Protein backbone atom coordinates (compact mmCIF):
# COMPACT_ATOMS: atom_id res chain seq x y z
CA MET A 1 -15.67 -36.26 -10.66
CA PRO A 2 -14.71 -32.65 -11.61
CA TRP A 3 -13.29 -30.44 -8.90
CA GLU A 4 -15.66 -27.83 -7.50
CA LYS A 5 -14.65 -25.04 -5.17
CA GLN A 6 -16.47 -25.14 -1.85
CA PHE A 7 -16.20 -21.50 -0.85
CA ASP A 8 -17.54 -18.07 -1.77
CA LYS A 9 -14.86 -16.48 -3.94
CA SER A 10 -16.06 -12.92 -3.35
CA LYS A 11 -15.96 -13.32 0.43
CA ALA A 12 -12.54 -14.97 0.22
CA LEU A 13 -11.22 -12.03 -1.82
CA ASP A 14 -12.64 -9.54 0.67
CA ARG A 15 -10.84 -11.37 3.47
CA ALA A 16 -7.63 -11.43 1.44
CA GLN A 17 -7.97 -7.70 0.87
CA ASP A 18 -8.22 -7.12 4.62
CA ALA A 19 -5.14 -9.28 5.20
CA PHE A 20 -3.07 -7.41 2.61
CA TRP A 21 -4.46 -4.06 3.75
CA GLU A 22 -3.45 -4.69 7.36
CA GLY A 23 -0.09 -6.38 6.81
CA GLY A 24 1.05 -5.46 3.32
CA TYR A 25 1.63 -7.87 0.46
CA GLU A 26 5.14 -9.08 1.17
CA ALA A 27 4.62 -9.41 4.93
CA THR A 28 1.44 -11.49 4.54
CA SER A 29 2.61 -15.10 4.43
CA MET A 30 0.74 -17.82 2.59
CA ALA A 31 -0.13 -19.43 5.93
CA VAL A 32 -1.70 -16.20 7.18
CA LEU A 33 -3.45 -15.60 3.85
CA LEU A 34 -5.00 -19.08 3.74
CA LYS A 35 -6.17 -18.75 7.33
CA ARG A 36 -7.70 -15.33 6.75
CA MET A 37 -9.40 -16.45 3.52
CA GLY A 38 -10.71 -19.59 5.23
CA ILE A 39 -9.74 -21.95 2.41
CA GLN A 40 -7.41 -24.91 1.89
CA LYS A 41 -4.19 -24.75 -0.10
CA GLY A 42 -5.56 -26.98 -2.88
CA SER A 43 -8.64 -24.80 -3.36
CA PHE A 44 -6.48 -21.69 -3.26
CA TYR A 45 -4.17 -22.77 -6.08
CA ALA A 46 -6.95 -24.31 -8.15
CA THR A 47 -8.94 -21.06 -8.01
CA PHE A 48 -6.32 -18.31 -7.99
CA GLY A 49 -3.02 -19.89 -8.97
CA SER A 50 -0.83 -17.57 -6.92
CA LYS A 51 -0.67 -15.08 -4.09
CA ARG A 52 -0.03 -12.29 -6.60
CA GLN A 53 -3.20 -13.15 -8.52
CA VAL A 54 -5.21 -12.90 -5.30
CA LEU A 55 -3.76 -9.45 -4.70
CA LEU A 56 -4.61 -8.32 -8.23
CA GLU A 57 -8.20 -9.54 -7.98
CA ALA A 58 -8.63 -8.01 -4.52
CA LEU A 59 -7.20 -4.71 -5.80
CA GLU A 60 -9.56 -4.74 -8.79
CA ARG A 61 -12.52 -5.29 -6.46
CA TYR A 62 -11.40 -2.42 -4.24
CA VAL A 63 -11.04 -0.01 -7.17
CA GLU A 64 -14.46 -0.99 -8.50
CA ALA A 65 -16.07 -0.60 -5.06
CA ARG A 66 -14.58 2.87 -4.62
CA SER A 67 -15.86 3.91 -8.02
CA SER A 68 -19.35 2.55 -7.32
CA GLY A 69 -19.43 4.54 -4.08
CA PHE A 70 -19.59 7.76 -6.08
CA GLY A 71 -23.02 6.86 -7.45
CA ALA A 72 -24.85 8.53 -4.57
CA LEU A 73 -22.74 11.69 -4.95
CA HIS A 74 -23.60 12.01 -8.63
CA ALA A 75 -27.30 11.55 -7.83
CA ALA A 76 -27.36 14.18 -5.05
CA PRO A 77 -29.47 17.33 -5.58
CA SER A 78 -26.37 19.53 -5.18
CA ALA A 79 -23.07 18.32 -6.62
CA ARG A 80 -21.05 20.85 -4.66
CA ALA A 81 -22.69 19.96 -1.35
CA ALA A 82 -22.20 16.26 -2.08
CA LEU A 83 -18.53 16.84 -2.84
CA GLU A 84 -18.01 18.83 0.36
CA ARG A 85 -19.73 16.11 2.41
CA HIS A 86 -17.49 13.54 0.74
CA LEU A 87 -14.35 15.45 1.70
CA HIS A 88 -15.54 15.88 5.30
CA ALA A 89 -16.41 12.17 5.57
CA LEU A 90 -13.08 11.11 4.08
CA ALA A 91 -11.13 13.29 6.51
CA GLU A 92 -13.19 12.10 9.46
CA GLU A 93 -12.59 8.46 8.59
CA ALA A 94 -8.88 9.22 8.21
CA CYS A 95 -8.87 10.42 11.83
CA THR A 96 -10.40 7.18 13.17
CA SER A 97 -8.75 3.85 13.95
CA ARG A 98 -10.07 2.48 10.64
CA GLY A 99 -8.41 5.35 8.83
CA ASP A 100 -5.04 4.30 10.26
CA ARG A 101 -4.89 1.66 7.54
CA GLY A 102 -4.88 4.33 4.85
CA CYS A 103 -6.18 3.44 1.39
CA PHE A 104 -5.66 -0.10 0.10
CA MET A 105 -4.96 1.16 -3.41
CA VAL A 106 -2.46 3.78 -2.22
CA ASN A 107 -0.74 1.34 0.15
CA THR A 108 -0.38 -1.23 -2.61
CA ALA A 109 0.95 1.38 -5.01
CA LEU A 110 3.58 2.53 -2.54
CA GLU A 111 4.70 -1.05 -1.90
CA LEU A 112 4.56 -2.61 -5.36
CA SER A 113 3.82 -0.33 -8.30
CA GLY A 114 7.49 0.52 -8.75
CA ARG A 115 8.30 -3.11 -9.55
CA ASP A 116 5.04 -4.66 -10.77
CA ASP A 117 3.69 -3.38 -14.08
CA VAL A 118 0.26 -4.95 -13.66
CA VAL A 119 -0.24 -3.50 -10.17
CA ARG A 120 0.84 -0.12 -11.52
CA GLU A 121 -1.69 -0.36 -14.37
CA VAL A 122 -4.55 -1.21 -11.99
CA VAL A 123 -3.59 1.66 -9.69
CA GLN A 124 -3.28 4.11 -12.58
CA ARG A 125 -6.72 3.10 -13.80
CA GLY A 126 -8.12 3.59 -10.31
CA VAL A 127 -6.53 7.04 -10.05
CA ARG A 128 -7.90 8.06 -13.46
CA THR A 129 -11.36 6.89 -12.42
CA LEU A 130 -11.25 8.93 -9.21
CA GLU A 131 -10.15 12.01 -11.13
CA GLN A 132 -13.02 11.53 -13.56
CA HIS A 133 -15.56 11.31 -10.72
CA TYR A 134 -14.28 14.56 -9.24
CA PHE A 135 -14.33 16.17 -12.69
CA ARG A 136 -17.95 15.12 -13.29
CA LEU A 137 -19.02 16.46 -9.90
CA LEU A 138 -17.28 19.76 -10.56
CA GLU A 139 -18.83 19.98 -14.01
CA SER A 140 -22.25 19.42 -12.45
CA ALA A 141 -21.58 22.04 -9.77
CA ARG A 142 -20.59 24.51 -12.47
CA ALA A 143 -23.76 23.76 -14.46
CA GLU A 144 -25.79 24.32 -11.29
CA GLY A 145 -24.16 27.71 -10.75
CA GLU A 146 -22.36 26.63 -7.56
CA LEU A 147 -18.78 27.28 -8.70
CA PRO A 148 -17.09 30.60 -9.48
CA ALA A 149 -16.20 31.09 -13.13
CA ASN A 150 -12.46 30.86 -12.40
CA VAL A 151 -12.68 27.31 -10.97
CA GLU A 152 -11.70 25.09 -13.91
CA PRO A 153 -13.12 21.55 -13.39
CA ARG A 154 -10.31 19.44 -14.84
CA ARG A 155 -7.47 21.26 -13.13
CA THR A 156 -9.40 21.38 -9.86
CA ALA A 157 -10.27 17.67 -10.09
CA ARG A 158 -6.57 16.83 -10.34
CA ALA A 159 -5.71 19.04 -7.37
CA LEU A 160 -8.51 17.46 -5.32
CA LEU A 161 -7.27 14.01 -6.26
CA ALA A 162 -3.75 14.83 -5.07
CA LEU A 163 -5.03 16.17 -1.76
CA VAL A 164 -7.34 13.20 -1.20
CA LEU A 165 -4.55 10.70 -1.88
CA GLY A 166 -2.35 12.76 0.43
CA ILE A 167 -4.92 12.47 3.20
CA HIS A 168 -4.79 8.68 2.85
CA VAL A 169 -1.00 8.67 3.12
CA LEU A 170 -1.10 11.01 6.12
CA SER A 171 -3.70 8.88 7.90
CA HIS A 172 -1.52 5.79 7.45
CA SER A 173 1.30 7.70 9.14
CA ALA A 174 -0.67 8.55 12.30
CA THR A 175 -0.73 12.24 11.37
CA PRO A 176 -2.53 14.52 13.88
CA ARG A 177 -6.17 15.34 13.19
CA ALA A 178 -5.38 19.05 12.84
CA VAL A 179 -3.10 18.39 9.88
CA ILE A 180 -5.62 16.17 8.10
CA GLU A 181 -8.38 18.71 8.69
CA ALA A 182 -6.16 21.47 7.32
CA VAL A 183 -5.65 19.47 4.11
CA ARG A 184 -9.41 18.87 3.90
CA ASP A 185 -10.13 22.57 4.35
CA HIS A 186 -7.65 23.42 1.60
CA ALA A 187 -9.36 20.92 -0.70
CA ILE A 188 -12.73 22.56 -0.06
CA ALA A 189 -11.20 26.01 -0.55
CA LEU A 190 -10.25 24.97 -4.10
CA LEU A 191 -13.97 25.09 -4.92
CA GLY A 192 -13.95 28.83 -4.29
CA PRO A 193 -16.77 30.86 -2.72
CA ARG A 194 -20.19 29.37 -3.27
CA ALA A 195 -21.84 31.02 -6.26
CA GLY A 196 -25.55 31.56 -6.66
CA ARG A 197 -27.32 28.29 -7.44
CA LYS A 198 -29.30 28.01 -10.66
CA GLU A 199 -32.82 26.81 -10.15
CA GLY A 200 -34.34 23.79 -11.80
CA ASN A 201 -31.21 21.91 -12.89
CA ARG A 202 -31.81 18.97 -10.56
CA ALA A 203 -34.82 17.60 -8.83
CA GLU A 204 -34.82 18.55 -5.18
């Protein structure tokens, strides 16, 4: 009789992500990982093959989930307002107990990308995707007349990306709220003074 896995792979990967996110890759033992995923060793190796493969699949899921989360921002009536809300929400989360974990992608990059080419490629793809989301939002804000003419979308998207990733690193280091909020405010300041909004570009 052919072997069939008796668990939900997506849920198991989400649990593995939490384990790696909380403890780091190297410090998360196989015993801890199996317990957190809620599966037996035989099922684990038959499905994933290795601890590293679980990390890669969990990291891919995280990057995809972060990218999908931008859908609501792109659909918002005002791209600039959506971007500002995003930066406020990100900073607020960074100041909570959940924010103490930092960003799973950033944490993994800091631990492994210097010695694992595949991890580095996944992280680089995730970073490029985040930059592109910020670029698209800034392009939309410009088209809507909500950005000054001297705010260049690509350059500003890269600066925003650097500040956002910095917020994640700071939150993982138990940085005071005032510092994180100062970084957030600087990120918003990169958008420049709010210009006059063009009418009729998006449905209200």
